Amino acid sequence: MASLDDVARVAARFPEAVEGVRRGTRTWSVAGRTFAWERPFSKADVKRFGTQPVPPPPILAVRVEDLGEKEAVLATHAPHVFTIPHFEGFPAVLVRLATVPDPLLAELVEEGWGALAPRALVEQWLHRDGDG
């Protein structure tokens, strides 16, 4: 089971990633843009689950490049990622930290960072030490 501390460790690997707190929840941003954040469910969110079980916290929201990428991530990585009506039309997925494997968590956090980091910073990261 992954934790928010695991998210923090992964996010810290990326250049200029900054951890913060907003409305009492943890966030990770780059260049002033939030790419991952703890996402508790509101009462309205819980109600929309109806008879379906509500995923246990903590839940992580992670940005993706665009809505096409969101659909691809949802199709490829269910049941570890999902969405809710509040995120309809928004390029982000929700991650069940209770079930997500470590390599997938790292991949999703990197994708979120890469979606919002300045292009030059992403290029630098991709070509570090001859990797890429």
Protein backbone atom coordinates (compact mmCIF):
# COMPACT_ATOMS: atom_id res chain seq x y z
CA MET A 1 0.00 0.00 0.00
CA ALA A 2 1.40 3.37 -1.03
CA SER A 3 1.16 6.43 1.20
CA LEU A 4 1.34 10.17 0.78
CA ASP A 5 4.91 9.92 2.08
CA ASP A 6 5.66 7.63 -0.87
CA VAL A 7 4.20 10.27 -3.19
CA ALA A 8 6.44 12.87 -1.54
CA ARG A 9 9.52 10.69 -2.08
CA VAL A 10 8.69 10.17 -5.75
CA ALA A 11 7.85 13.83 -6.37
CA ALA A 12 11.08 14.97 -4.71
CA ARG A 13 13.06 13.27 -7.51
CA PHE A 14 11.84 15.78 -10.08
CA PRO A 15 13.53 19.14 -10.61
CA GLU A 16 11.81 22.09 -8.98
CA ALA A 17 9.02 19.96 -7.51
CA VAL A 18 7.70 21.62 -4.35
CA GLU A 19 5.56 20.08 -1.64
CA GLY A 20 2.97 22.27 0.02
CA VAL A 21 -0.29 22.25 1.92
CA ARG A 22 -3.55 23.68 0.63
CA ARG A 23 -6.76 23.56 2.64
CA GLY A 24 -5.11 21.12 5.03
CA THR A 25 -4.10 18.61 2.34
CA ARG A 26 -0.74 17.87 0.78
CA THR A 27 0.08 19.11 -2.72
CA TRP A 28 3.00 18.88 -5.14
CA SER A 29 3.69 21.55 -7.73
CA VAL A 30 6.22 22.70 -10.30
CA ALA A 31 6.54 26.26 -11.59
CA GLY A 32 3.58 27.25 -9.43
CA ARG A 33 1.26 24.65 -10.97
CA THR A 34 -0.09 21.73 -8.93
CA PHE A 35 0.53 18.36 -10.56
CA ALA A 36 -0.53 16.05 -7.70
CA TRP A 37 -2.61 16.53 -4.57
CA GLU A 38 -4.35 14.62 -1.85
CA ARG A 39 -8.03 14.51 -2.79
CA PRO A 40 -10.47 13.79 0.03
CA PHE A 41 -14.04 13.17 -1.02
CA SER A 42 -16.74 15.74 -0.29
CA LYS A 43 -20.17 14.66 0.95
CA ALA A 44 -21.46 15.18 -2.60
CA ASP A 45 -18.69 12.95 -3.99
CA VAL A 46 -19.56 10.19 -1.51
CA LYS A 47 -23.26 10.46 -2.36
CA ARG A 48 -22.49 10.04 -6.08
CA PHE A 49 -20.90 6.65 -5.40
CA GLY A 50 -24.42 5.45 -4.57
CA THR A 51 -24.31 1.75 -3.72
CA GLN A 52 -20.71 1.38 -4.94
CA PRO A 53 -18.05 1.25 -2.24
CA VAL A 54 -16.19 4.52 -1.69
CA PRO A 55 -12.44 4.05 -2.20
CA PRO A 56 -10.61 4.33 1.12
CA PRO A 57 -8.36 7.31 1.71
CA PRO A 58 -5.88 8.52 0.97
CA ILE A 59 -6.71 9.27 -2.65
CA LEU A 60 -4.23 11.09 -4.86
CA ALA A 61 -5.25 13.30 -7.80
CA VAL A 62 -2.66 13.54 -10.57
CA ARG A 63 -2.69 15.74 -13.66
CA VAL A 64 -2.23 14.23 -17.10
CA GLU A 65 -1.32 15.88 -20.39
CA ASP A 66 -4.85 16.10 -21.81
CA LEU A 67 -8.24 14.39 -21.87
CA GLY A 68 -7.07 11.81 -24.41
CA GLU A 69 -4.25 10.81 -22.08
CA LYS A 70 -6.72 10.69 -19.21
CA GLU A 71 -8.87 8.17 -21.08
CA ALA A 72 -5.80 6.09 -21.94
CA VAL A 73 -4.62 6.04 -18.31
CA LEU A 74 -8.09 5.11 -17.08
CA ALA A 75 -8.36 2.29 -19.63
CA THR A 76 -4.87 0.94 -19.00
CA HIS A 77 -4.58 1.17 -15.23
CA ALA A 78 -8.02 0.38 -13.81
CA PRO A 79 -8.72 -0.47 -10.98
CA HIS A 80 -5.84 1.59 -9.53
CA VAL A 81 -7.01 4.81 -11.17
CA PHE A 82 -10.50 6.20 -11.62
CA THR A 83 -12.41 9.43 -12.00
CA ILE A 84 -15.49 11.04 -10.49
CA PRO A 85 -18.08 13.41 -11.94
CA HIS A 86 -16.31 16.41 -10.37
CA PHE A 87 -13.32 15.67 -12.65
CA GLU A 88 -15.38 15.39 -15.85
CA GLY A 89 -13.65 17.42 -18.56
CA PHE A 90 -10.55 17.97 -16.39
CA PRO A 91 -7.20 16.34 -17.28
CA ALA A 92 -6.53 14.46 -14.06
CA VAL A 93 -7.08 10.99 -12.63
CA LEU A 94 -7.59 9.75 -9.10
CA VAL A 95 -5.26 7.12 -7.71
CA ARG A 96 -6.17 4.51 -5.09
CA LEU A 97 -3.04 4.60 -2.94
CA ALA A 98 -4.27 1.48 -1.14
CA THR A 99 -3.84 -0.60 -4.30
CA VAL A 100 -1.46 1.17 -6.67
CA PRO A 101 1.86 -0.64 -7.27
CA ASP A 102 4.97 1.45 -6.61
CA PRO A 103 6.14 1.51 -10.26
CA LEU A 104 2.74 2.76 -11.43
CA LEU A 105 2.66 5.42 -8.72
CA ALA A 106 6.08 6.64 -9.86
CA GLU A 107 4.92 6.67 -13.50
CA LEU A 108 1.77 8.64 -12.71
CA VAL A 109 3.57 11.22 -10.57
CA GLU A 110 6.21 11.66 -13.27
CA GLU A 111 3.49 12.11 -15.87
CA GLY A 112 1.79 14.72 -13.72
CA TRP A 113 5.05 16.60 -13.20
CA GLY A 114 5.85 16.40 -16.92
CA ALA A 115 2.41 17.66 -17.90
CA LEU A 116 2.89 20.93 -16.01
CA ALA A 117 6.64 21.51 -15.81
CA PRO A 118 8.20 24.00 -18.23
CA ARG A 119 9.21 22.20 -21.45
CA ALA A 120 12.90 23.07 -21.00
CA LEU A 121 12.87 21.48 -17.54
CA VAL A 122 11.21 18.34 -18.90
CA GLU A 123 13.80 18.10 -21.70
CA GLN A 124 16.60 18.52 -19.17
CA TRP A 125 15.09 15.74 -17.02
CA LEU A 126 14.63 13.39 -19.98
CA HIS A 127 18.22 13.86 -21.12
CA ARG A 128 19.96 13.76 -17.73
CA ASP A 129 23.16 11.74 -17.62
CA GLY A 130 22.64 10.63 -21.21
CA ASP A 131 19.31 8.91 -20.36
CA GLY A 132 16.14 9.65 -22.25
